[in-house]
């Protein structure tokens, strides 16, 4: 898998007394696509995704995680779709859809 980009992910950890709480920033090698598309959120709503990235199948940030793109834009995870995990010999990956 060609992982030509690096995004920075801060995993959503919940809500605190001062708002959302995130884990420490972690770089993630990925293949980034900044294409607008309609996706389904975990609660069933249809929402617009402005970007997505594909990376290794073990990467599974929860919805609400904060992602900084290479151009500095900050966005949040809508949902994660895992492909090919149980279908050898197909390459497995995670696709992360963001606002």
PDB file of N, CA and C in Angstrom:
ATOM      1  N   UNK A   1       0.855  -1.173   0.000  1.00  0.00           N
ATOM      2  CA  UNK A   1       0.000   0.000   0.000  1.00  0.00           C
ATOM      3  C   UNK A   1       0.901   1.236   0.000  1.00  0.00           C
ATOM      4  N   UNK A   2       0.630   2.163  -0.896  1.00  0.00           N
ATOM      5  CA  UNK A   2       1.388   3.408  -0.997  1.00  0.00           C
ATOM      6  C   UNK A   2       0.852   4.413   0.023  1.00  0.00           C
ATOM      7  N   UNK A   3       1.663   4.745   1.011  1.00  0.00           N
ATOM      8  CA  UNK A   3       1.260   5.680   2.064  1.00  0.00           C
ATOM      9  C   UNK A   3       2.076   6.954   1.895  1.00  0.00           C
ATOM     10  N   UNK A   4       1.615   7.830   1.006  1.00  0.00           N
ATOM     11  CA  UNK A   4       2.388   9.003   0.599  1.00  0.00           C
ATOM     12  C   UNK A   4       2.209  10.222   1.494  1.00  0.00           C
ATOM     13  N   UNK A   5       1.262  10.190   2.417  1.00  0.00           N
ATOM     14  CA  UNK A   5       0.963  11.357   3.250  1.00  0.00           C
ATOM     15  C   UNK A   5       1.088  11.022   4.733  1.00  0.00           C
ATOM     16  N   UNK A   6       1.152  12.055   5.547  1.00  0.00           N
ATOM     17  CA  UNK A   6       1.139  11.883   7.004  1.00  0.00           C
ATOM     18  C   UNK A   6       0.118  12.850   7.582  1.00  0.00           C
ATOM     19  N   UNK A   7      -0.828  12.322   8.353  1.00  0.00           N
ATOM     20  CA  UNK A   7      -1.775  13.148   9.099  1.00  0.00           C
ATOM     21  C   UNK A   7      -1.460  12.968  10.579  1.00  0.00           C
ATOM     22  N   UNK A   8      -1.918  13.901  11.396  1.00  0.00           N
ATOM     23  CA  UNK A   8      -1.724  13.802  12.839  1.00  0.00           C
ATOM     24  C   UNK A   8      -3.078  13.563  13.483  1.00  0.00           C
ATOM     25  N   UNK A   9      -3.180  12.474  14.245  1.00  0.00           N
ATOM     26  CA  UNK A   9      -4.454  12.079  14.853  1.00  0.00           C
ATOM     27  C   UNK A   9      -4.371  12.230  16.368  1.00  0.00           C
ATOM     28  N   UNK A  10      -5.376  12.901  16.926  1.00  0.00           N
ATOM     29  CA  UNK A  10      -5.555  13.002  18.373  1.00  0.00           C
ATOM     30  C   UNK A  10      -6.841  12.242  18.698  1.00  0.00           C
ATOM     31  N   UNK A  11      -6.706  11.079  19.306  1.00  0.00           N
ATOM     32  CA  UNK A  11      -7.836  10.192  19.565  1.00  0.00           C
ATOM     33  C   UNK A  11      -8.812  10.811  20.560  1.00  0.00           C
ATOM     34  N   UNK A  12     -10.093  10.819  20.179  1.00  0.00           N
ATOM     35  CA  UNK A  12     -11.145  11.336  21.055  1.00  0.00           C
ATOM     36  C   UNK A  12     -11.261  10.431  22.274  1.00  0.00           C
ATOM     37  N   UNK A  13     -11.184  11.025  23.474  1.00  0.00           N
ATOM     38  CA  UNK A  13     -11.222  10.255  24.722  1.00  0.00           C
ATOM     39  C   UNK A  13     -12.489  10.510  25.536  1.00  0.00           C
ATOM     40  N   UNK A  14     -13.352  11.416  25.084  1.00  0.00           N
ATOM     41  CA  UNK A  14     -14.585  11.696  25.808  1.00  0.00           C
ATOM     42  C   UNK A  14     -14.725  13.171  26.123  1.00  0.00           C
ATOM     43  N   UNK A  15     -15.657  13.468  27.028  1.00  0.00           N
ATOM     44  CA  UNK A  15     -15.932  14.848  27.417  1.00  0.00           C
ATOM     45  C   UNK A  15     -15.431  15.093  28.830  1.00  0.00           C
ATOM     46  N   UNK A  16     -14.851  16.263  29.046  1.00  0.00           N
ATOM     47  CA  UNK A  16     -14.404  16.676  30.369  1.00  0.00           C
ATOM     48  C   UNK A  16     -15.125  17.940  30.783  1.00  0.00           C
ATOM     49  N   UNK A  17     -14.743  18.514  31.884  1.00  0.00           N
ATOM     50  CA  UNK A  17     -15.407  19.718  32.388  1.00  0.00           C
ATOM     51  C   UNK A  17     -15.178  20.935  31.494  1.00  0.00           C
ATOM     52  N   UNK A  18     -14.164  20.873  30.633  1.00  0.00           N
ATOM     53  CA  UNK A  18     -13.866  21.995  29.736  1.00  0.00           C
ATOM     54  C   UNK A  18     -14.073  21.630  28.269  1.00  0.00           C
ATOM     55  N   UNK A  19     -14.853  20.599  27.988  1.00  0.00           N
ATOM     56  CA  UNK A  19     -15.131  20.212  26.612  1.00  0.00           C
ATOM     57  C   UNK A  19     -14.502  18.874  26.249  1.00  0.00           C
ATOM     58  N   UNK A  20     -14.283  18.671  24.959  1.00  0.00           N
ATOM     59  CA  UNK A  20     -13.746  17.405  24.462  1.00  0.00           C
ATOM     60  C   UNK A  20     -12.330  17.168  24.964  1.00  0.00           C
ATOM     61  N   UNK A  21     -12.025  15.885  25.234  1.00  0.00           N
ATOM     62  CA  UNK A  21     -10.699  15.478  25.695  1.00  0.00           C
ATOM     63  C   UNK A  21     -10.092  14.565  24.630  1.00  0.00           C
ATOM     64  N   UNK A  22      -8.829  14.824  24.283  1.00  0.00           N
ATOM     65  CA  UNK A  22      -8.143  14.067  23.239  1.00  0.00           C
ATOM     66  C   UNK A  22      -6.849  13.476  23.775  1.00  0.00           C
ATOM     67  N   UNK A  23      -6.416  12.377  23.155  1.00  0.00           N
ATOM     68  CA  UNK A  23      -5.129  11.783  23.473  1.00  0.00           C
ATOM     69  C   UNK A  23      -4.019  12.591  22.828  1.00  0.00           C
ATOM     70  N   UNK A  24      -2.770  12.190  23.057  1.00  0.00           N
ATOM     71  CA  UNK A  24      -1.641  12.921  22.485  1.00  0.00           C
ATOM     72  C   UNK A  24      -1.617  12.790  20.960  1.00  0.00           C
ATOM     73  N   UNK A  25      -1.086  13.802  20.261  1.00  0.00           N
ATOM     74  CA  UNK A  25      -0.997  13.737  18.803  1.00  0.00           C
ATOM     75  C   UNK A  25      -0.081  12.599  18.358  1.00  0.00           C
ATOM     76  N   UNK A  26      -0.511  11.869  17.328  1.00  0.00           N
ATOM     77  CA  UNK A  26       0.286  10.768  16.791  1.00  0.00           C
ATOM     78  C   UNK A  26       0.284  10.839  15.267  1.00  0.00           C
ATOM     79  N   UNK A  27       1.454  10.767  14.632  1.00  0.00           N
ATOM     80  CA  UNK A  27       1.500  10.777  13.171  1.00  0.00           C
ATOM     81  C   UNK A  27       1.002   9.448  12.612  1.00  0.00           C
ATOM     82  N   UNK A  28       0.274   9.521  11.492  1.00  0.00           N
ATOM     83  CA  UNK A  28      -0.241   8.324  10.830  1.00  0.00           C
ATOM     84  C   UNK A  28       0.098   8.425   9.349  1.00  0.00           C
ATOM     85  N   UNK A  29       0.862   7.464   8.843  1.00  0.00           N
ATOM     86  CA  UNK A  29       1.149   7.394   7.406  1.00  0.00           C
ATOM     87  C   UNK A  29      -0.100   6.894   6.701  1.00  0.00           C
ATOM     88  N   UNK A  30      -0.441   7.537   5.581  1.00  0.00           N
ATOM     89  CA  UNK A  30      -1.702   7.204   4.923  1.00  0.00           C
ATOM     90  C   UNK A  30      -1.684   7.641   3.464  1.00  0.00           C
ATOM     91  N   UNK A  31      -2.764   7.334   2.777  1.00  0.00           N
ATOM     92  CA  UNK A  31      -3.037   7.851   1.445  1.00  0.00           C
ATOM     93  C   UNK A  31      -4.262   8.745   1.593  1.00  0.00           C
ATOM     94  N   UNK A  32      -4.073  10.053   1.447  1.00  0.00           N
ATOM     95  CA  UNK A  32      -5.110  11.053   1.705  1.00  0.00           C
ATOM     96  C   UNK A  32      -5.854  11.410   0.431  1.00  0.00           C
ATOM     97  N   UNK A  33      -7.165  11.564   0.541  1.00  0.00           N
ATOM     98  CA  UNK A  33      -8.007  12.013  -0.565  1.00  0.00           C
ATOM     99  C   UNK A  33      -8.910  13.131  -0.052  1.00  0.00           C
ATOM    100  N   UNK A  34      -8.828  14.298  -0.678  1.00  0.00           N
ATOM    101  CA  UNK A  34      -9.674  15.421  -0.264  1.00  0.00           C
ATOM    102  C   UNK A  34     -10.793  15.601  -1.286  1.00  0.00           C
ATOM    103  N   UNK A  35     -11.733  14.665  -1.241  1.00  0.00           N
ATOM    104  CA  UNK A  35     -12.879  14.636  -2.139  1.00  0.00           C
ATOM    105  C   UNK A  35     -14.138  14.670  -1.287  1.00  0.00           C
ATOM    106  N   UNK A  36     -15.095  15.514  -1.642  1.00  0.00           N
ATOM    107  CA  UNK A  36     -16.351  15.613  -0.905  1.00  0.00           C
ATOM    108  C   UNK A  36     -17.267  14.459  -1.298  1.00  0.00           C
ATOM    109  N   UNK A  37     -17.820  13.788  -0.279  1.00  0.00           N
ATOM    110  CA  UNK A  37     -18.748  12.691  -0.536  1.00  0.00           C
ATOM    111  C   UNK A  37     -19.725  12.555   0.628  1.00  0.00           C
ATOM    112  N   UNK A  38     -20.840  11.930   0.361  1.00  0.00           N
ATOM    113  CA  UNK A  38     -21.866  11.704   1.376  1.00  0.00           C
ATOM    114  C   UNK A  38     -21.592  10.363   2.051  1.00  0.00           C
ATOM    115  N   UNK A  39     -21.534  10.353   3.397  1.00  0.00           N
ATOM    116  CA  UNK A  39     -21.291   9.115   4.152  1.00  0.00           C
ATOM    117  C   UNK A  39     -22.315   9.001   5.272  1.00  0.00           C
ATOM    118  N   UNK A  40     -22.430   7.799   5.813  1.00  0.00           N
ATOM    119  CA  UNK A  40     -23.360   7.569   6.914  1.00  0.00           C
ATOM    120  C   UNK A  40     -22.585   7.560   8.227  1.00  0.00           C
ATOM    121  N   UNK A  41     -23.007   8.410   9.164  1.00  0.00           N
ATOM    122  CA  UNK A  41     -22.388   8.489  10.491  1.00  0.00           C
ATOM    123  C   UNK A  41     -22.835   7.285  11.324  1.00  0.00           C
ATOM    124  N   UNK A  42     -22.145   6.988  12.429  1.00  0.00           N
ATOM    125  CA  UNK A  42     -22.531   5.847  13.273  1.00  0.00           C
ATOM    126  C   UNK A  42     -23.975   5.896  13.769  1.00  0.00           C
ATOM    127  N   UNK A  43     -24.548   7.098  13.911  1.00  0.00           N
ATOM    128  CA  UNK A  43     -25.937   7.215  14.377  1.00  0.00           C
ATOM    129  C   UNK A  43     -26.953   7.112  13.244  1.00  0.00           C
ATOM    130  N   UNK A  44     -26.478   6.850  12.011  1.00  0.00           N
ATOM    131  CA  UNK A  44     -27.362   6.663  10.875  1.00  0.00           C
ATOM    132  C   UNK A  44     -27.603   7.895  10.024  1.00  0.00           C
ATOM    133  N   UNK A  45     -27.194   9.073  10.499  1.00  0.00           N
ATOM    134  CA  UNK A  45     -27.379  10.296   9.714  1.00  0.00           C
ATOM    135  C   UNK A  45     -26.459  10.296   8.502  1.00  0.00           C
ATOM    136  N   UNK A  46     -26.918  10.903   7.407  1.00  0.00           N
ATOM    137  CA  UNK A  46     -26.060  11.128   6.252  1.00  0.00           C
ATOM    138  C   UNK A  46     -25.372  12.467   6.439  1.00  0.00           C
ATOM    139  N   UNK A  47     -24.038  12.477   6.367  1.00  0.00           N
ATOM    140  CA  UNK A  47     -23.258  13.699   6.537  1.00  0.00           C
ATOM    141  C   UNK A  47     -22.248  13.808   5.403  1.00  0.00           C
ATOM    142  N   UNK A  48     -21.751  15.015   5.185  1.00  0.00           N
ATOM    143  CA  UNK A  48     -20.782  15.261   4.126  1.00  0.00           C
ATOM    144  C   UNK A  48     -19.371  15.094   4.657  1.00  0.00           C
ATOM    145  N   UNK A  49     -18.602  14.258   3.978  1.00  0.00           N
ATOM    146  CA  UNK A  49     -17.191  14.072   4.302  1.00  0.00           C
ATOM    147  C   UNK A  49     -16.383  14.903   3.313  1.00  0.00           C
ATOM    148  N   UNK A  50     -15.441  15.707   3.827  1.00  0.00           N
ATOM    149  CA  UNK A  50     -14.624  16.555   2.953  1.00  0.00           C
ATOM    150  C   UNK A  50     -13.270  15.929   2.650  1.00  0.00           C
ATOM    151  N   UNK A  51     -12.920  14.866   3.377  1.00  0.00           N
ATOM    152  CA  UNK A  51     -11.637  14.198   3.165  1.00  0.00           C
ATOM    153  C   UNK A  51     -11.701  12.800   3.765  1.00  0.00           C
ATOM    154  N   UNK A  52     -10.819  11.935   3.289  1.00  0.00           N
ATOM    155  CA  UNK A  52     -10.686  10.597   3.857  1.00  0.00           C
ATOM    156  C   UNK A  52      -9.246  10.150   3.679  1.00  0.00           C
ATOM    157  N   UNK A  53      -8.854   9.163   4.480  1.00  0.00           N
ATOM    158  CA  UNK A  53      -7.534   8.576   4.270  1.00  0.00           C
ATOM    159  C   UNK A  53      -7.596   7.076   4.489  1.00  0.00           C
ATOM    160  N   UNK A  54      -6.694   6.383   3.802  1.00  0.00           N
ATOM    161  CA  UNK A  54      -6.579   4.935   3.899  1.00  0.00           C
ATOM    162  C   UNK A  54      -5.248   4.627   4.561  1.00  0.00           C
ATOM    163  N   UNK A  55      -5.268   3.689   5.501  1.00  0.00           N
ATOM    164  CA  UNK A  55      -4.051   3.312   6.213  1.00  0.00           C
ATOM    165  C   UNK A  55      -4.153   1.854   6.653  1.00  0.00           C
ATOM    166  N   UNK A  56      -3.256   1.426   7.513  1.00  0.00           N
ATOM    167  CA  UNK A  56      -3.198   0.041   7.984  1.00  0.00           C
ATOM    168  C   UNK A  56      -4.484  -0.356   8.720  1.00  0.00           C
ATOM    169  N   UNK A  57      -4.873  -1.634   8.647  1.00  0.00           N
ATOM    170  CA  UNK A  57      -6.156  -2.062   9.215  1.00  0.00           C
ATOM    171  C   UNK A  57      -6.258  -1.975  10.736  1.00  0.00           C
ATOM    172  N   UNK A  58      -5.144  -1.885  11.443  1.00  0.00           N
ATOM    173  CA  UNK A  58      -5.219  -1.798  12.908  1.00  0.00           C
ATOM    174  C   UNK A  58      -5.573  -0.389  13.383  1.00  0.00           C
ATOM    175  N   UNK A  59      -5.520   0.592  12.492  1.00  0.00           N
ATOM    176  CA  UNK A  59      -5.832   1.985  12.841  1.00  0.00           C
ATOM    177  C   UNK A  59      -7.349   2.136  12.926  1.00  0.00           C
ATOM    178  N   UNK A  60      -7.857   2.538  14.086  1.00  0.00           N
ATOM    179  CA  UNK A  60      -9.305   2.605  14.296  1.00  0.00           C
ATOM    180  C   UNK A  60      -9.659   3.742  15.256  1.00  0.00           C
ATOM    181  N   UNK A  61      -9.449   5.010  14.844  1.00  0.00           N
ATOM    182  CA  UNK A  61      -9.770   6.125  15.740  1.00  0.00           C
ATOM    183  C   UNK A  61     -11.283   6.251  15.922  1.00  0.00           C
ATOM    184  N   UNK A  62     -11.749   6.541  17.129  1.00  0.00           N
ATOM    185  CA  UNK A  62     -13.188   6.675  17.344  1.00  0.00           C
ATOM    186  C   UNK A  62     -13.742   7.940  16.688  1.00  0.00           C
ATOM    187  N   UNK A  63     -15.032   7.940  16.346  1.00  0.00           N
ATOM    188  CA  UNK A  63     -15.653   9.162  15.834  1.00  0.00           C
ATOM    189  C   UNK A  63     -15.406  10.316  16.803  1.00  0.00           C
ATOM    190  N   UNK A  64     -15.163  11.498  16.243  1.00  0.00           N
ATOM    191  CA  UNK A  64     -14.883  12.673  17.056  1.00  0.00           C
ATOM    192  C   UNK A  64     -13.406  12.935  17.241  1.00  0.00           C
ATOM    193  N   UNK A  65     -12.548  11.965  16.860  1.00  0.00           N
ATOM    194  CA  UNK A  65     -11.104  12.186  16.959  1.00  0.00           C
ATOM    195  C   UNK A  65     -10.709  13.346  16.062  1.00  0.00           C
ATOM    196  N   UNK A  66      -9.702  14.082  16.491  1.00  0.00           N
ATOM    197  CA  UNK A  66      -9.242  15.268  15.756  1.00  0.00           C
ATOM    198  C   UNK A  66      -8.096  14.861  14.832  1.00  0.00           C
ATOM    199  N   UNK A  67      -8.163  15.324  13.566  1.00  0.00           N
ATOM    200  CA  UNK A  67      -7.144  14.999  12.567  1.00  0.00           C
ATOM    201  C   UNK A  67      -6.630  16.293  11.954  1.00  0.00           C
ATOM    202  N   UNK A  68      -5.305  16.455  11.951  1.00  0.00           N
ATOM    203  CA  UNK A  68      -4.676  17.592  11.285  1.00  0.00           C
ATOM    204  C   UNK A  68      -4.103  17.093   9.968  1.00  0.00           C
ATOM    205  N   UNK A  69      -4.559  17.685   8.865  1.00  0.00           N
ATOM    206  CA  UNK A  69      -4.116  17.300   7.529  1.00  0.00           C
ATOM    207  C   UNK A  69      -2.774  17.952   7.214  1.00  0.00           C
ATOM    208  N   UNK A  70      -2.070  17.468   6.178  1.00  0.00           N
ATOM    209  CA  UNK A  70      -0.761  18.034   5.842  1.00  0.00           C
ATOM    210  C   UNK A  70      -0.772  19.543   5.577  1.00  0.00           C
ATOM    211  N   UNK A  71      -1.900  20.090   5.107  1.00  0.00           N
ATOM    212  CA  UNK A  71      -1.974  21.535   4.838  1.00  0.00           C
ATOM    213  C   UNK A  71      -2.309  22.351   6.086  1.00  0.00           C
ATOM    214  N   UNK A  72      -2.450  21.677   7.245  1.00  0.00           N
ATOM    215  CA  UNK A  72      -2.730  22.368   8.500  1.00  0.00           C
ATOM    216  C   UNK A  72      -4.196  22.426   8.878  1.00  0.00           C
ATOM    217  N   UNK A  73      -5.081  22.038   7.959  1.00  0.00           N
ATOM    218  CA  UNK A  73      -6.514  22.050   8.258  1.00  0.00           C
ATOM    219  C   UNK A  73      -6.832  20.990   9.305  1.00  0.00           C
ATOM    220  N   UNK A  74      -7.666  21.356  10.286  1.00  0.00           N
ATOM    221  CA  UNK A  74      -8.059  20.433  11.352  1.00  0.00           C
ATOM    222  C   UNK A  74      -9.500  19.998  11.108  1.00  0.00           C
ATOM    223  N   UNK A  75      -9.744  18.696  11.176  1.00  0.00           N
ATOM    224  CA  UNK A  75     -11.058  18.133  10.934  1.00  0.00           C
ATOM    225  C   UNK A  75     -11.324  17.030  11.960  1.00  0.00           C
ATOM    226  N   UNK A  76     -12.492  16.412  11.906  1.00  0.00           N
ATOM    227  CA  UNK A  76     -12.814  15.348  12.860  1.00  0.00           C
ATOM    228  C   UNK A  76     -13.282  14.087  12.142  1.00  0.00           C
ATOM    229  N   UNK A  77     -13.063  12.955  12.780  1.00  0.00           N
ATOM    230  CA  UNK A  77     -13.456  11.657  12.231  1.00  0.00           C
ATOM    231  C   UNK A  77     -14.973  11.505  12.312  1.00  0.00           C
ATOM    232  N   UNK A  78     -15.576  11.084  11.197  1.00  0.00           N
ATOM    233  CA  UNK A  78     -17.000  10.751  11.164  1.00  0.00           C
ATOM    234  C   UNK A  78     -17.166   9.262  11.444  1.00  0.00           C
ATOM    235  N   UNK A  79     -16.471   8.448  10.665  1.00  0.00           N
ATOM    236  CA  UNK A  79     -16.580   6.997  10.787  1.00  0.00           C
ATOM    237  C   UNK A  79     -15.345   6.339  10.196  1.00  0.00           C
ATOM    238  N   UNK A  80     -15.145   5.067  10.525  1.00  0.00           N
ATOM    239  CA  UNK A  80     -14.034   4.278   9.987  1.00  0.00           C
ATOM    240  C   UNK A  80     -14.617   3.030   9.342  1.00  0.00           C
ATOM    241  N   UNK A  81     -14.167   2.758   8.125  1.00  0.00           N
ATOM    242  CA  UNK A  81     -14.606   1.560   7.406  1.00  0.00           C
ATOM    243  C   UNK A  81     -13.387   0.658   7.221  1.00  0.00           C
ATOM    244  N   UNK A  82     -13.499  -0.590   7.642  1.00  0.00           N
ATOM    245  CA  UNK A  82     -12.384  -1.532   7.500  1.00  0.00           C
ATOM    246  C   UNK A  82     -12.695  -2.473   6.346  1.00  0.00           C
ATOM    247  N   UNK A  83     -11.729  -2.645   5.454  1.00  0.00           N
ATOM    248  CA  UNK A  83     -11.920  -3.441   4.238  1.00  0.00           C
ATOM    249  C   UNK A  83     -10.939  -4.605   4.191  1.00  0.00           C
ATOM    250  N   UNK A  84     -11.397  -5.752   3.744  1.00  0.00           N
ATOM    251  CA  UNK A  84     -10.521  -6.877   3.475  1.00  0.00           C
ATOM    252  C   UNK A  84      -9.874  -7.518   4.682  1.00  0.00           C
ATOM    253  N   UNK A  85     -10.348  -7.217   5.884  1.00  0.00           N
ATOM    254  CA  UNK A  85      -9.706  -7.729   7.094  1.00  0.00           C
ATOM    255  C   UNK A  85      -9.828  -9.251   7.179  1.00  0.00           C
ATOM    256  N   UNK A  86     -10.962  -9.794   6.800  1.00  0.00           N
ATOM    257  CA  UNK A  86     -11.194 -11.240   6.905  1.00  0.00           C
ATOM    258  C   UNK A  86     -11.212 -11.934   5.550  1.00  0.00           C
ATOM    259  N   UNK A  87     -10.585 -11.318   4.539  1.00  0.00           N
ATOM    260  CA  UNK A  87     -10.652 -11.865   3.187  1.00  0.00           C
ATOM    261  C   UNK A  87      -9.248 -12.012   2.599  1.00  0.00           C
ATOM    262  N   UNK A  88      -8.419 -12.909   3.130  1.00  0.00           N
ATOM    263  CA  UNK A  88      -7.110 -13.084   2.505  1.00  0.00           C
ATOM    264  C   UNK A  88      -7.307 -13.617   1.098  1.00  0.00           C
ATOM    265  N   UNK A  89      -6.512 -13.342   0.124  1.00  0.00           N
ATOM    266  CA  UNK A  89      -5.260 -12.598   0.152  1.00  0.00           C
ATOM    267  C   UNK A  89      -5.427 -11.111  -0.182  1.00  0.00           C
ATOM    268  N   UNK A  90      -6.652 -10.586  -0.111  1.00  0.00           N
ATOM    269  CA  UNK A  90      -6.853  -9.169  -0.406  1.00  0.00           C
ATOM    270  C   UNK A  90      -6.144  -8.305   0.631  1.00  0.00           C
ATOM    271  N   UNK A  91      -5.597  -7.160   0.209  1.00  0.00           N
ATOM    272  CA  UNK A  91      -4.938  -6.279   1.183  1.00  0.00           C
ATOM    273  C   UNK A  91      -5.976  -5.639   2.104  1.00  0.00           C
ATOM    274  N   UNK A  92      -5.733  -5.699   3.387  1.00  0.00           N
ATOM    275  CA  UNK A  92      -6.643  -5.116   4.370  1.00  0.00           C
ATOM    276  C   UNK A  92      -6.254  -3.670   4.632  1.00  0.00           C
ATOM    277  N   UNK A  93      -7.252  -2.832   4.935  1.00  0.00           N
ATOM    278  CA  UNK A  93      -6.978  -1.431   5.255  1.00  0.00           C
ATOM    279  C   UNK A  93      -8.135  -0.840   6.042  1.00  0.00           C
ATOM    280  N   UNK A  94      -7.886   0.334   6.602  1.00  0.00           N
ATOM    281  CA  UNK A  94      -8.925   1.137   7.247  1.00  0.00           C
ATOM    282  C   UNK A  94      -9.091   2.410   6.443  1.00  0.00           C
ATOM    283  N   UNK A  95     -10.335   2.790   6.167  1.00  0.00           N
ATOM    284  CA  UNK A  95     -10.614   4.064   5.513  1.00  0.00           C
ATOM    285  C   UNK A  95     -11.312   4.955   6.532  1.00  0.00           C
ATOM    286  N   UNK A  96     -10.697   6.092   6.824  1.00  0.00           N
ATOM    287  CA  UNK A  96     -11.208   7.026   7.821  1.00  0.00           C
ATOM    288  C   UNK A  96     -11.869   8.191   7.094  1.00  0.00           C
ATOM    289  N   UNK A  97     -13.164   8.401   7.355  1.00  0.00           N
ATOM    290  CA  UNK A  97     -13.919   9.482   6.732  1.00  0.00           C
ATOM    291  C   UNK A  97     -13.989  10.653   7.708  1.00  0.00           C
ATOM    292  N   UNK A  98     -13.722  11.877   7.195  1.00  0.00           N
ATOM    293  CA  UNK A  98     -13.664  13.060   8.061  1.00  0.00           C
ATOM    294  C   UNK A  98     -14.568  14.166   7.553  1.00  0.00           C
ATOM    295  N   UNK A  99     -14.951  15.064   8.468  1.00  0.00           N
ATOM    296  CA  UNK A  99     -15.766  16.237   8.125  1.00  0.00           C
ATOM    297  C   UNK A  99     -14.968  17.195   7.294  1.00  0.00           C
TER     298      UNK A  99
END
